[in-house]
Protein backbone atom coordinates (compact mmCIF):
# COMPACT_ATOMS: atom_id res chain seq x y z
CA MET A 1 219.86 46.04 -38.18
CA SER A 2 217.37 43.83 -36.41
CA GLY A 3 216.88 43.88 -32.67
CA ALA A 4 218.74 40.57 -32.34
CA ASP A 5 221.68 41.94 -34.35
CA ALA A 6 221.77 45.06 -32.21
CA ASP A 7 221.70 42.96 -29.04
CA GLU A 8 224.54 40.78 -30.32
CA SER A 9 226.61 43.83 -31.29
CA GLU A 10 226.04 45.37 -27.88
CA GLN A 11 227.13 42.12 -26.20
CA VAL A 12 230.31 42.06 -28.33
CA MET A 13 231.00 45.66 -27.34
CA HIS A 14 230.69 44.79 -23.65
CA THR A 15 232.76 41.62 -24.00
CA SER A 16 235.47 43.52 -25.87
CA HIS A 17 235.54 46.16 -23.17
CA LEU A 18 235.90 43.49 -20.49
CA LEU A 19 238.76 41.96 -22.49
CA LEU A 20 240.48 45.33 -22.74
CA GLN A 21 240.12 46.06 -19.02
CA ALA A 22 241.27 42.60 -17.94
CA ALA A 23 244.19 42.58 -20.38
CA PHE A 24 245.26 46.03 -19.20
CA ALA A 25 245.14 44.90 -15.57
CA SER A 26 247.08 41.69 -16.22
CA GLY A 27 249.26 42.89 -19.08
CA SER A 28 248.16 40.11 -21.40
CA ILE A 29 245.08 39.12 -23.38
CA SER A 30 246.05 35.45 -23.12
CA SER A 31 245.56 35.68 -19.36
CA VAL A 32 241.93 36.47 -20.18
CA ILE A 33 241.19 34.29 -23.22
CA GLY A 34 243.60 31.44 -22.49
CA GLU A 35 244.49 29.35 -25.53
CA GLY A 36 241.44 30.60 -27.44
CA SER A 37 241.24 33.37 -29.98
CA VAL A 38 239.94 36.89 -29.65
CA ALA A 39 237.26 36.06 -32.24
CA THR A 40 236.04 33.13 -30.16
CA PHE A 41 236.08 35.22 -27.00
CA VAL A 42 233.98 38.05 -28.44
CA GLY A 43 231.76 35.78 -30.52
CA GLN A 44 232.71 33.97 -33.71
CA SER A 45 229.30 34.46 -35.32
CA TRP A 46 229.54 38.23 -34.88
CA VAL A 47 233.09 38.29 -36.23
CA ASN A 48 231.98 36.22 -39.23
CA ALA A 49 229.20 38.74 -39.88
CA HIS A 50 231.69 41.65 -39.61
CA PRO A 51 234.80 40.49 -41.48
CA ASN A 52 236.21 44.02 -41.55
CA VAL A 53 237.32 43.50 -37.93
CA LEU A 54 239.56 40.52 -38.80
CA PRO A 55 242.70 42.57 -39.59
CA TYR A 56 242.40 44.28 -36.22
CA ILE A 57 241.93 40.99 -34.40
CA ARG A 58 244.94 39.51 -36.20
CA SER A 59 247.00 42.57 -35.33
CA LEU A 60 246.04 42.35 -31.67
CA GLU A 61 246.85 38.64 -31.57
CA SER A 62 250.19 39.16 -33.33
CA ILE A 63 251.17 41.84 -30.80
CA GLU A 64 250.26 39.40 -28.02
CA SER A 65 252.34 36.61 -29.57
CA GLY A 66 255.31 38.95 -30.09
CA SER A 67 255.33 38.78 -33.87
CA SER A 68 254.85 41.74 -36.17
CA THR A 69 252.63 42.12 -39.20
């Protein structure tokens, strides 16, 4: 992993943690990300480079929307 990749991954980790904390405090991720997606919030380029996280993002978003997968 290059230094730039490591920096981007660290930023995603921090952003994800902020999302978790804010969502816990408000009870909703949509109160944090608005109409956007989790992938957009944490960084679409990082998500594209790490497609193994997509099922987890979809699961989180489906819980938020009230549907089940």
